[in-house]
Structure formats: structure tokens, C-alpha cells
């Protein structure tokens, strides 16, 4: 099995891929492979089953994922609250 790294992806393309992944409940990797297979007219390899923890973790809807992304973008991870380390 091969690996592929894509460099300097356009932000519009990246955002569209993230939306597709969120809409389908797939990872970015799964969404990219599916789109490539469809565009090239080949069948994608059989998808691996979801990890066992996914039964418990579930997934986010596109709306909830957008809310989470917005909250993470607004968060200041450079600050440490000393109370968290007691």
C-alpha cells in the first residue's frame, strides 16, 4: 500500500475536503481517497472498519463540528491555568 503527501493545498480545496468529510462522517484521508477513486474511475479499496472506540465516541454532525472548530479557533492555548495542575 502506498502513501501520498499533498503539499501546499489551496485553502478553498482544503475547506471543501473538510466539508465533504464532515458531511459523510469520514476522515479527511477517507474522503480524499473516495474522491480520487471516483474522479479516476477506479474502485476504492475496501474500507477498513471503524476502530472499536468509535462505537463509544460516535461522531459529530457537520453543525457540531463547525461549532467545535470555531471554539478551538477562538481558544488561547498559549495560556496555562495553574489550577488545572493541582
C-alpha atoms as a PDB file:
ATOM      1  CA  UNK A   1       0.000   0.000   0.000  1.00  0.00           C
ATOM      2  CA  UNK A   2       1.357   3.424  -0.932  1.00  0.00           C
ATOM      3  CA  UNK A   3       1.320   6.701   0.933  1.00  0.00           C
ATOM      4  CA  UNK A   4       0.883  10.103  -0.638  1.00  0.00           C
ATOM      5  CA  UNK A   5       1.511  13.563   0.791  1.00  0.00           C
ATOM      6  CA  UNK A   6      -0.010  16.642  -0.826  1.00  0.00           C
ATOM      7  CA  UNK A   7       1.892  19.882  -0.273  1.00  0.00           C
ATOM      8  CA  UNK A   8       0.649  23.474  -0.427  1.00  0.00           C
ATOM      9  CA  UNK A   9      -3.020  22.641  -0.871  1.00  0.00           C
ATOM     10  CA  UNK A  10      -5.213  25.631  -1.692  1.00  0.00           C
ATOM     11  CA  UNK A  11      -7.338  26.671   1.307  1.00  0.00           C
ATOM     12  CA  UNK A  12     -10.535  26.517  -0.772  1.00  0.00           C
ATOM     13  CA  UNK A  13      -9.788  22.915  -1.726  1.00  0.00           C
ATOM     14  CA  UNK A  14      -8.870  22.019   1.837  1.00  0.00           C
ATOM     15  CA  UNK A  15     -12.085  23.559   3.188  1.00  0.00           C
ATOM     16  CA  UNK A  16     -14.167  21.700   0.600  1.00  0.00           C
ATOM     17  CA  UNK A  17     -12.489  18.417   1.519  1.00  0.00           C
ATOM     18  CA  UNK A  18     -13.116  19.057   5.224  1.00  0.00           C
ATOM     19  CA  UNK A  19     -16.798  19.782   4.481  1.00  0.00           C
ATOM     20  CA  UNK A  20     -17.121  16.572   2.428  1.00  0.00           C
ATOM     21  CA  UNK A  21     -15.508  14.552   5.206  1.00  0.00           C
ATOM     22  CA  UNK A  22     -17.824  16.078   7.832  1.00  0.00           C
ATOM     23  CA  UNK A  23     -20.909  15.545   5.666  1.00  0.00           C
ATOM     24  CA  UNK A  24     -20.110  11.892   5.078  1.00  0.00           C
ATOM     25  CA  UNK A  25     -18.747  11.166   8.551  1.00  0.00           C
ATOM     26  CA  UNK A  26     -15.414  10.160   7.042  1.00  0.00           C
ATOM     27  CA  UNK A  27     -11.869  11.140   7.893  1.00  0.00           C
ATOM     28  CA  UNK A  28     -10.025  13.544   5.597  1.00  0.00           C
ATOM     29  CA  UNK A  29      -7.994  10.598   4.329  1.00  0.00           C
ATOM     30  CA  UNK A  30     -11.089   8.514   3.565  1.00  0.00           C
ATOM     31  CA  UNK A  31     -12.811  11.439   1.841  1.00  0.00           C
ATOM     32  CA  UNK A  32      -9.758  12.191  -0.309  1.00  0.00           C
ATOM     33  CA  UNK A  33      -9.373   8.531  -1.344  1.00  0.00           C
ATOM     34  CA  UNK A  34     -13.051   8.250  -2.198  1.00  0.00           C
ATOM     35  CA  UNK A  35     -12.986  11.429  -4.312  1.00  0.00           C
ATOM     36  CA  UNK A  36      -9.806  10.384  -6.106  1.00  0.00           C
ATOM     37  CA  UNK A  37     -11.218   6.939  -6.865  1.00  0.00           C
ATOM     38  CA  UNK A  38     -14.431   8.452  -8.229  1.00  0.00           C
ATOM     39  CA  UNK A  39     -12.576  11.047 -10.327  1.00  0.00           C
ATOM     40  CA  UNK A  40     -10.243   8.430 -11.787  1.00  0.00           C
ATOM     41  CA  UNK A  41     -12.991   5.882 -12.387  1.00  0.00           C
ATOM     42  CA  UNK A  42     -11.499   3.178 -10.202  1.00  0.00           C
ATOM     43  CA  UNK A  43     -12.975   1.397  -7.249  1.00  0.00           C
ATOM     44  CA  UNK A  44     -11.538   2.340  -3.888  1.00  0.00           C
ATOM     45  CA  UNK A  45     -10.022  -0.366  -1.773  1.00  0.00           C
ATOM     46  CA  UNK A  46     -12.341  -1.926   0.726  1.00  0.00           C
ATOM     47  CA  UNK A  47     -12.628   0.462   3.633  1.00  0.00           C
ATOM     48  CA  UNK A  48     -11.306  -0.672   6.971  1.00  0.00           C
ATOM     49  CA  UNK A  49     -13.930  -0.990   9.683  1.00  0.00           C
ATOM     50  CA  UNK A  50     -14.082   1.902  12.133  1.00  0.00           C
ATOM     51  CA  UNK A  51     -11.924   1.439  15.234  1.00  0.00           C
ATOM     52  CA  UNK A  52     -13.742  -0.157  18.139  1.00  0.00           C
ATOM     53  CA  UNK A  53     -13.718   3.045  20.152  1.00  0.00           C
ATOM     54  CA  UNK A  54     -15.930   4.729  17.537  1.00  0.00           C
ATOM     55  CA  UNK A  55     -18.886   2.774  18.920  1.00  0.00           C
ATOM     56  CA  UNK A  56     -18.446   4.743  22.124  1.00  0.00           C
ATOM     57  CA  UNK A  57     -17.066   8.023  20.801  1.00  0.00           C
ATOM     58  CA  UNK A  58     -19.538   8.479  17.979  1.00  0.00           C
ATOM     59  CA  UNK A  59     -19.132  11.306  15.527  1.00  0.00           C
ATOM     60  CA  UNK A  60     -20.020  14.949  15.166  1.00  0.00           C
ATOM     61  CA  UNK A  61     -22.602  16.349  12.831  1.00  0.00           C
ATOM     62  CA  UNK A  62     -21.358  18.979  10.385  1.00  0.00           C
ATOM     63  CA  UNK A  63     -23.040  21.669  12.512  1.00  0.00           C
ATOM     64  CA  UNK A  64     -21.440  20.446  15.751  1.00  0.00           C
ATOM     65  CA  UNK A  65     -18.054  20.067  14.037  1.00  0.00           C
ATOM     66  CA  UNK A  66     -18.272  23.680  12.831  1.00  0.00           C
ATOM     67  CA  UNK A  67     -19.088  24.844  16.377  1.00  0.00           C
ATOM     68  CA  UNK A  68     -16.141  22.878  17.749  1.00  0.00           C
ATOM     69  CA  UNK A  69     -13.783  24.285  15.095  1.00  0.00           C
ATOM     70  CA  UNK A  70     -14.928  27.829  15.918  1.00  0.00           C
ATOM     71  CA  UNK A  71     -14.398  27.252  19.647  1.00  0.00           C
ATOM     72  CA  UNK A  72     -10.924  25.802  19.036  1.00  0.00           C
ATOM     73  CA  UNK A  73     -10.007  28.694  16.747  1.00  0.00           C
ATOM     74  CA  UNK A  74     -11.092  31.174  19.438  1.00  0.00           C
ATOM     75  CA  UNK A  75      -9.285  29.366  22.267  1.00  0.00           C
ATOM     76  CA  UNK A  76      -5.964  30.644  23.575  1.00  0.00           C
ATOM     77  CA  UNK A  77      -3.886  27.523  24.131  1.00  0.00           C
ATOM     78  CA  UNK A  78      -0.782  29.544  24.979  1.00  0.00           C
ATOM     79  CA  UNK A  79      -2.120  30.354  28.456  1.00  0.00           C
ATOM     80  CA  UNK A  80      -1.840  27.883  31.308  1.00  0.00           C
ATOM     81  CA  UNK A  81      -4.241  27.947  34.221  1.00  0.00           C
ATOM     82  CA  UNK A  82      -2.252  26.870  37.276  1.00  0.00           C
ATOM     83  CA  UNK A  83      -5.448  25.496  38.870  1.00  0.00           C
ATOM     84  CA  UNK A  84      -5.502  22.741  36.228  1.00  0.00           C
ATOM     85  CA  UNK A  85      -2.217  21.365  37.582  1.00  0.00           C
ATOM     86  CA  UNK A  86      -3.185  20.967  41.255  1.00  0.00           C
END
